[in-house]
Amino acid sequence: MLFSRRVQASPRDSFQPVAAGGLLICAVGVCAGAGALAGWAAGSTGLGALGGVVVGIPVGVATVYRRFRGYFT
């Protein structure tokens, strides 16, 4: 029982791949939806959604990095 405290990892230090993937998918989806809305207003929903996905990928990566910053450093 003397070493039980050292063995347990803190929940903040653990990396959760499912949560990271979900966060990435949500960020890309939100950007794609916003792009589709902007494209719909401009007359081309498909191109707007494509532009949203192109913008959403780096936004999603940055979001995952910010959420799990302590794990990557």
PDB file of N, CA and C in Angstrom:
ATOM      1  N   MET A   1       0.809  -1.194   0.000  1.00  0.00           N
ATOM      2  CA  MET A   1       0.000   0.000   0.000  1.00  0.00           C
ATOM      3  C   MET A   1       0.851   1.257   0.000  1.00  0.00           C
ATOM      4  N   LEU A   2       2.108   1.122   0.257  1.00  0.00           N
ATOM      5  CA  LEU A   2       2.990   2.264   0.287  1.00  0.00           C
ATOM      6  C   LEU A   2       3.188   2.864  -1.112  1.00  0.00           C
ATOM      7  N   PHE A   3       3.216   2.018  -2.164  1.00  0.00           N
ATOM      8  CA  PHE A   3       3.475   2.482  -3.522  1.00  0.00           C
ATOM      9  C   PHE A   3       2.214   2.633  -4.359  1.00  0.00           C
ATOM     10  N   SER A   4       1.058   2.470  -3.782  1.00  0.00           N
ATOM     11  CA  SER A   4      -0.178   2.526  -4.564  1.00  0.00           C
ATOM     12  C   SER A   4      -0.399   3.893  -5.209  1.00  0.00           C
ATOM     13  N   ARG A   5       0.109   4.927  -4.613  1.00  0.00           N
ATOM     14  CA  ARG A   5      -0.071   6.260  -5.161  1.00  0.00           C
ATOM     15  C   ARG A   5       0.762   6.479  -6.421  1.00  0.00           C
ATOM     16  N   ARG A   6       1.929   5.903  -6.495  1.00  0.00           N
ATOM     17  CA  ARG A   6       2.791   6.064  -7.657  1.00  0.00           C
ATOM     18  C   ARG A   6       2.297   5.263  -8.859  1.00  0.00           C
ATOM     19  N   VAL A   7       1.652   4.165  -8.628  1.00  0.00           N
ATOM     20  CA  VAL A   7       1.210   3.293  -9.709  1.00  0.00           C
ATOM     21  C   VAL A   7       0.040   3.906 -10.461  1.00  0.00           C
ATOM     22  N   GLN A   8      -0.826   4.605  -9.780  1.00  0.00           N
ATOM     23  CA  GLN A   8      -2.015   5.168 -10.410  1.00  0.00           C
ATOM     24  C   GLN A   8      -1.653   6.412 -11.220  1.00  0.00           C
ATOM     25  N   ALA A   9      -2.069   6.411 -12.470  1.00  0.00           N
ATOM     26  CA  ALA A   9      -1.842   7.571 -13.330  1.00  0.00           C
ATOM     27  C   ALA A   9      -2.980   8.566 -13.131  1.00  0.00           C
ATOM     28  N   SER A  10      -2.662   9.815 -13.277  1.00  0.00           N
ATOM     29  CA  SER A  10      -3.722  10.814 -13.163  1.00  0.00           C
ATOM     30  C   SER A  10      -4.558  10.790 -14.438  1.00  0.00           C
ATOM     31  N   PRO A  11      -5.860  11.053 -14.352  1.00  0.00           N
ATOM     32  CA  PRO A  11      -6.721  10.992 -15.529  1.00  0.00           C
ATOM     33  C   PRO A  11      -6.361  12.038 -16.586  1.00  0.00           C
ATOM     34  N   ARG A  12      -5.728  13.119 -16.216  1.00  0.00           N
ATOM     35  CA  ARG A  12      -5.368  14.166 -17.171  1.00  0.00           C
ATOM     36  C   ARG A  12      -4.209  13.726 -18.066  1.00  0.00           C
ATOM     37  N   ASP A  13      -3.366  12.829 -17.601  1.00  0.00           N
ATOM     38  CA  ASP A  13      -2.201  12.401 -18.364  1.00  0.00           C
ATOM     39  C   ASP A  13      -2.515  11.284 -19.352  1.00  0.00           C
ATOM     40  N   SER A  14      -3.698  10.729 -19.317  1.00  0.00           N
ATOM     41  CA  SER A  14      -3.992   9.611 -20.198  1.00  0.00           C
ATOM     42  C   SER A  14      -4.522  10.100 -21.542  1.00  0.00           C
ATOM     43  N   PHE A  15      -4.119   9.403 -22.579  1.00  0.00           N
ATOM     44  CA  PHE A  15      -4.556   9.730 -23.935  1.00  0.00           C
ATOM     45  C   PHE A  15      -5.682   8.786 -24.306  1.00  0.00           C
ATOM     46  N   GLN A  16      -6.773   9.324 -24.799  1.00  0.00           N
ATOM     47  CA  GLN A  16      -7.938   8.520 -25.165  1.00  0.00           C
ATOM     48  C   GLN A  16      -8.150   8.640 -26.674  1.00  0.00           C
ATOM     49  N   PRO A  17      -7.746   7.627 -27.446  1.00  0.00           N
ATOM     50  CA  PRO A  17      -7.846   7.713 -28.898  1.00  0.00           C
ATOM     51  C   PRO A  17      -9.280   7.864 -29.401  1.00  0.00           C
ATOM     52  N   VAL A  18     -10.235   7.243 -28.732  1.00  0.00           N
ATOM     53  CA  VAL A  18     -11.631   7.355 -29.170  1.00  0.00           C
ATOM     54  C   VAL A  18     -12.126   8.786 -28.996  1.00  0.00           C
ATOM     55  N   ALA A  19     -11.777   9.402 -27.893  1.00  0.00           N
ATOM     56  CA  ALA A  19     -12.175  10.792 -27.664  1.00  0.00           C
ATOM     57  C   ALA A  19     -11.495  11.721 -28.663  1.00  0.00           C
ATOM     58  N   ALA A  20     -10.238  11.456 -28.970  1.00  0.00           N
ATOM     59  CA  ALA A  20      -9.524  12.284 -29.947  1.00  0.00           C
ATOM     60  C   ALA A  20     -10.148  12.140 -31.330  1.00  0.00           C
ATOM     61  N   GLY A  21     -10.492  10.928 -31.724  1.00  0.00           N
ATOM     62  CA  GLY A  21     -11.134  10.712 -33.016  1.00  0.00           C
ATOM     63  C   GLY A  21     -12.502  11.353 -33.091  1.00  0.00           C
ATOM     64  N   GLY A  22     -13.267  11.248 -32.026  1.00  0.00           N
ATOM     65  CA  GLY A  22     -14.580  11.883 -31.990  1.00  0.00           C
ATOM     66  C   GLY A  22     -14.490  13.394 -32.071  1.00  0.00           C
ATOM     67  N   LEU A  23     -13.517  13.949 -31.377  1.00  0.00           N
ATOM     68  CA  LEU A  23     -13.313  15.395 -31.416  1.00  0.00           C
ATOM     69  C   LEU A  23     -12.900  15.853 -32.815  1.00  0.00           C
ATOM     70  N   LEU A  24     -12.039  15.079 -33.466  1.00  0.00           N
ATOM     71  CA  LEU A  24     -11.609  15.403 -34.820  1.00  0.00           C
ATOM     72  C   LEU A  24     -12.780  15.337 -35.799  1.00  0.00           C
ATOM     73  N   ILE A  25     -13.579  14.281 -35.699  1.00  0.00           N
ATOM     74  CA  ILE A  25     -14.732  14.129 -36.593  1.00  0.00           C
ATOM     75  C   ILE A  25     -15.744  15.249 -36.373  1.00  0.00           C
ATOM     76  N   CYS A  26     -15.981  15.600 -35.122  1.00  0.00           N
ATOM     77  CA  CYS A  26     -16.928  16.690 -34.836  1.00  0.00           C
ATOM     78  C   CYS A  26     -16.445  18.022 -35.390  1.00  0.00           C
ATOM     79  N   ALA A  27     -15.173  18.319 -35.224  1.00  0.00           N
ATOM     80  CA  ALA A  27     -14.640  19.593 -35.722  1.00  0.00           C
ATOM     81  C   ALA A  27     -14.725  19.656 -37.247  1.00  0.00           C
ATOM     82  N   VAL A  28     -14.379  18.556 -37.922  1.00  0.00           N
ATOM     83  CA  VAL A  28     -14.464  18.537 -39.382  1.00  0.00           C
ATOM     84  C   VAL A  28     -15.922  18.630 -39.815  1.00  0.00           C
ATOM     85  N   GLY A  29     -16.812  17.953 -39.118  1.00  0.00           N
ATOM     86  CA  GLY A  29     -18.232  18.004 -39.459  1.00  0.00           C
ATOM     87  C   GLY A  29     -18.838  19.382 -39.290  1.00  0.00           C
ATOM     88  N   VAL A  30     -18.466  20.051 -38.225  1.00  0.00           N
ATOM     89  CA  VAL A  30     -18.982  21.411 -38.001  1.00  0.00           C
ATOM     90  C   VAL A  30     -18.482  22.352 -39.090  1.00  0.00           C
ATOM     91  N   CYS A  31     -17.197  22.241 -39.429  1.00  0.00           N
ATOM     92  CA  CYS A  31     -16.657  23.100 -40.494  1.00  0.00           C
ATOM     93  C   CYS A  31     -17.287  22.765 -41.842  1.00  0.00           C
ATOM     94  N   ALA A  32     -17.522  21.494 -42.122  1.00  0.00           N
ATOM     95  CA  ALA A  32     -18.166  21.111 -43.377  1.00  0.00           C
ATOM     96  C   ALA A  32     -19.594  21.631 -43.432  1.00  0.00           C
ATOM     97  N   GLY A  33     -20.298  21.574 -42.318  1.00  0.00           N
ATOM     98  CA  GLY A  33     -21.654  22.109 -42.265  1.00  0.00           C
ATOM     99  C   GLY A  33     -21.685  23.611 -42.467  1.00  0.00           C
ATOM    100  N   ALA A  34     -20.752  24.309 -41.848  1.00  0.00           N
ATOM    101  CA  ALA A  34     -20.684  25.759 -42.025  1.00  0.00           C
ATOM    102  C   ALA A  34     -20.314  26.101 -43.463  1.00  0.00           C
ATOM    103  N   GLY A  35     -19.412  25.313 -44.033  1.00  0.00           N
ATOM    104  CA  GLY A  35     -19.054  25.540 -45.428  1.00  0.00           C
ATOM    105  C   GLY A  35     -20.209  25.257 -46.373  1.00  0.00           C
ATOM    106  N   ALA A  36     -20.983  24.217 -46.078  1.00  0.00           N
ATOM    107  CA  ALA A  36     -22.149  23.906 -46.909  1.00  0.00           C
ATOM    108  C   ALA A  36     -23.186  25.016 -46.819  1.00  0.00           C
ATOM    109  N   LEU A  37     -23.357  25.560 -45.642  1.00  0.00           N
ATOM    110  CA  LEU A  37     -24.287  26.691 -45.489  1.00  0.00           C
ATOM    111  C   LEU A  37     -23.816  27.909 -46.280  1.00  0.00           C
ATOM    112  N   ALA A  38     -22.532  28.202 -46.186  1.00  0.00           N
ATOM    113  CA  ALA A  38     -21.992  29.334 -46.934  1.00  0.00           C
ATOM    114  C   ALA A  38     -22.068  29.058 -48.431  1.00  0.00           C
ATOM    115  N   GLY A  39     -21.803  27.824 -48.831  1.00  0.00           N
ATOM    116  CA  GLY A  39     -21.906  27.466 -50.233  1.00  0.00           C
ATOM    117  C   GLY A  39     -23.331  27.518 -50.745  1.00  0.00           C
ATOM    118  N   TRP A  40     -24.258  27.130 -49.904  1.00  0.00           N
ATOM    119  CA  TRP A  40     -25.679  27.186 -50.276  1.00  0.00           C
ATOM    120  C   TRP A  40     -26.098  28.638 -50.513  1.00  0.00           C
ATOM    121  N   ALA A  41     -25.612  29.524 -49.653  1.00  0.00           N
ATOM    122  CA  ALA A  41     -25.933  30.941 -49.810  1.00  0.00           C
ATOM    123  C   ALA A  41     -25.300  31.513 -51.078  1.00  0.00           C
ATOM    124  N   ALA A  42     -24.136  30.945 -51.461  1.00  0.00           N
ATOM    125  CA  ALA A  42     -23.442  31.439 -52.652  1.00  0.00           C
ATOM    126  C   ALA A  42     -23.874  30.713 -53.920  1.00  0.00           C
ATOM    127  N   GLY A  43     -24.604  29.604 -53.770  1.00  0.00           N
ATOM    128  CA  GLY A  43     -25.102  28.904 -54.946  1.00  0.00           C
ATOM    129  C   GLY A  43     -24.477  27.556 -55.234  1.00  0.00           C
ATOM    130  N   SER A  44     -23.531  27.073 -54.415  1.00  0.00           N
ATOM    131  CA  SER A  44     -22.908  25.771 -54.647  1.00  0.00           C
ATOM    132  C   SER A  44     -22.637  25.081 -53.313  1.00  0.00           C
ATOM    133  N   THR A  45     -23.600  24.275 -52.893  1.00  0.00           N
ATOM    134  CA  THR A  45     -23.493  23.597 -51.602  1.00  0.00           C
ATOM    135  C   THR A  45     -22.311  22.634 -51.567  1.00  0.00           C
ATOM    136  N   GLY A  46     -22.115  21.894 -52.649  1.00  0.00           N
ATOM    137  CA  GLY A  46     -21.034  20.901 -52.688  1.00  0.00           C
ATOM    138  C   GLY A  46     -19.662  21.515 -52.556  1.00  0.00           C
ATOM    139  N   LEU A  47     -19.437  22.592 -53.285  1.00  0.00           N
ATOM    140  CA  LEU A  47     -18.138  23.257 -53.180  1.00  0.00           C
ATOM    141  C   LEU A  47     -17.940  23.897 -51.805  1.00  0.00           C
ATOM    142  N   GLY A  48     -19.009  24.393 -51.241  1.00  0.00           N
ATOM    143  CA  GLY A  48     -18.911  24.952 -49.890  1.00  0.00           C
ATOM    144  C   GLY A  48     -18.570  23.896 -48.860  1.00  0.00           C
ATOM    145  N   ALA A  49     -19.193  22.717 -48.982  1.00  0.00           N
ATOM    146  CA  ALA A  49     -18.894  21.620 -48.055  1.00  0.00           C
ATOM    147  C   ALA A  49     -17.454  21.149 -48.230  1.00  0.00           C
ATOM    148  N   LEU A  50     -17.002  21.074 -49.480  1.00  0.00           N
ATOM    149  CA  LEU A  50     -15.615  20.685 -49.737  1.00  0.00           C
ATOM    150  C   LEU A  50     -14.642  21.684 -49.124  1.00  0.00           C
ATOM    151  N   GLY A  51     -14.927  22.952 -49.291  1.00  0.00           N
ATOM    152  CA  GLY A  51     -14.096  23.978 -48.672  1.00  0.00           C
ATOM    153  C   GLY A  51     -14.115  23.889 -47.159  1.00  0.00           C
ATOM    154  N   GLY A  52     -15.279  23.570 -46.598  1.00  0.00           N
ATOM    155  CA  GLY A  52     -15.374  23.398 -45.146  1.00  0.00           C
ATOM    156  C   GLY A  52     -14.561  22.234 -44.637  1.00  0.00           C
ATOM    157  N   VAL A  53     -14.526  21.145 -45.397  1.00  0.00           N
ATOM    158  CA  VAL A  53     -13.715  19.989 -45.002  1.00  0.00           C
ATOM    159  C   VAL A  53     -12.234  20.335 -45.080  1.00  0.00           C
ATOM    160  N   VAL A  54     -11.842  21.048 -46.138  1.00  0.00           N
ATOM    161  CA  VAL A  54     -10.434  21.441 -46.281  1.00  0.00           C
ATOM    162  C   VAL A  54     -10.004  22.334 -45.124  1.00  0.00           C
ATOM    163  N   VAL A  55     -10.856  23.224 -44.699  1.00  0.00           N
ATOM    164  CA  VAL A  55     -10.554  24.088 -43.553  1.00  0.00           C
ATOM    165  C   VAL A  55     -10.679  23.299 -42.248  1.00  0.00           C
ATOM    166  N   GLY A  56     -11.616  22.349 -42.204  1.00  0.00           N
ATOM    167  CA  GLY A  56     -11.895  21.618 -40.969  1.00  0.00           C
ATOM    168  C   GLY A  56     -10.809  20.660 -40.533  1.00  0.00           C
ATOM    169  N   ILE A  57     -10.031  20.140 -41.471  1.00  0.00           N
ATOM    170  CA  ILE A  57      -8.986  19.185 -41.087  1.00  0.00           C
ATOM    171  C   ILE A  57      -7.935  19.840 -40.194  1.00  0.00           C
ATOM    172  N   PRO A  58      -7.338  20.964 -40.575  1.00  0.00           N
ATOM    173  CA  PRO A  58      -6.379  21.582 -39.643  1.00  0.00           C
ATOM    174  C   PRO A  58      -7.034  22.115 -38.365  1.00  0.00           C
ATOM    175  N   VAL A  59      -8.283  22.548 -38.481  1.00  0.00           N
ATOM    176  CA  VAL A  59      -8.997  22.997 -37.277  1.00  0.00           C
ATOM    177  C   VAL A  59      -9.184  21.824 -36.318  1.00  0.00           C
ATOM    178  N   GLY A  60      -9.539  20.665 -36.844  1.00  0.00           N
ATOM    179  CA  GLY A  60      -9.712  19.477 -36.018  1.00  0.00           C
ATOM    180  C   GLY A  60      -8.412  19.021 -35.383  1.00  0.00           C
ATOM    181  N   VAL A  61      -7.337  19.046 -36.147  1.00  0.00           N
ATOM    182  CA  VAL A  61      -6.031  18.658 -35.599  1.00  0.00           C
ATOM    183  C   VAL A  61      -5.628  19.617 -34.485  1.00  0.00           C
ATOM    184  N   ALA A  62      -5.834  20.898 -34.690  1.00  0.00           N
ATOM    185  CA  ALA A  62      -5.499  21.880 -33.651  1.00  0.00           C
ATOM    186  C   ALA A  62      -6.361  21.695 -32.404  1.00  0.00           C
ATOM    187  N   THR A  63      -7.626  21.339 -32.614  1.00  0.00           N
ATOM    188  CA  THR A  63      -8.522  21.112 -31.478  1.00  0.00           C
ATOM    189  C   THR A  63      -8.076  19.902 -30.668  1.00  0.00           C
ATOM    190  N   VAL A  64      -7.727  18.821 -31.350  1.00  0.00           N
ATOM    191  CA  VAL A  64      -7.245  17.625 -30.648  1.00  0.00           C
ATOM    192  C   VAL A  64      -5.934  17.932 -29.931  1.00  0.00           C
ATOM    193  N   TYR A  65      -5.066  18.675 -30.570  1.00  0.00           N
ATOM    194  CA  TYR A  65      -3.800  19.027 -29.932  1.00  0.00           C
ATOM    195  C   TYR A  65      -4.018  19.862 -28.677  1.00  0.00           C
ATOM    196  N   ARG A  66      -4.931  20.829 -28.755  1.00  0.00           N
ATOM    197  CA  ARG A  66      -5.214  21.655 -27.571  1.00  0.00           C
ATOM    198  C   ARG A  66      -5.803  20.828 -26.441  1.00  0.00           C
ATOM    199  N   ARG A  67      -6.679  19.871 -26.776  1.00  0.00           N
ATOM    200  CA  ARG A  67      -7.330  19.054 -25.748  1.00  0.00           C
ATOM    201  C   ARG A  67      -6.331  18.123 -25.066  1.00  0.00           C
ATOM    202  N   PHE A  68      -5.419  17.541 -25.846  1.00  0.00           N
ATOM    203  CA  PHE A  68      -4.462  16.579 -25.306  1.00  0.00           C
ATOM    204  C   PHE A  68      -3.039  17.154 -25.298  1.00  0.00           C
ATOM    205  N   ARG A  69      -2.919  18.435 -25.059  1.00  0.00           N
ATOM    206  CA  ARG A  69      -1.633  19.130 -25.073  1.00  0.00           C
ATOM    207  C   ARG A  69      -0.633  18.531 -24.096  1.00  0.00           C
ATOM    208  N   GLY A  70      -1.056  18.158 -22.926  1.00  0.00           N
ATOM    209  CA  GLY A  70      -0.168  17.609 -21.926  1.00  0.00           C
ATOM    210  C   GLY A  70       0.401  16.256 -22.309  1.00  0.00           C
ATOM    211  N   TYR A  71      -0.293  15.528 -23.138  1.00  0.00           N
ATOM    212  CA  TYR A  71       0.183  14.216 -23.553  1.00  0.00           C
ATOM    213  C   TYR A  71       1.265  14.329 -24.614  1.00  0.00           C
ATOM    214  N   PHE A  72       1.164  15.315 -25.505  1.00  0.00           N
ATOM    215  CA  PHE A  72       2.101  15.440 -26.611  1.00  0.00           C
ATOM    216  C   PHE A  72       3.413  16.112 -26.221  1.00  0.00           C
ATOM    217  N   THR A  73       3.461  16.806 -25.095  1.00  0.00           N
ATOM    218  CA  THR A  73       4.688  17.486 -24.699  1.00  0.00           C
ATOM    219  C   THR A  73       5.439  16.702 -23.662  1.00  0.00           C
TER     220      THR A  73
END
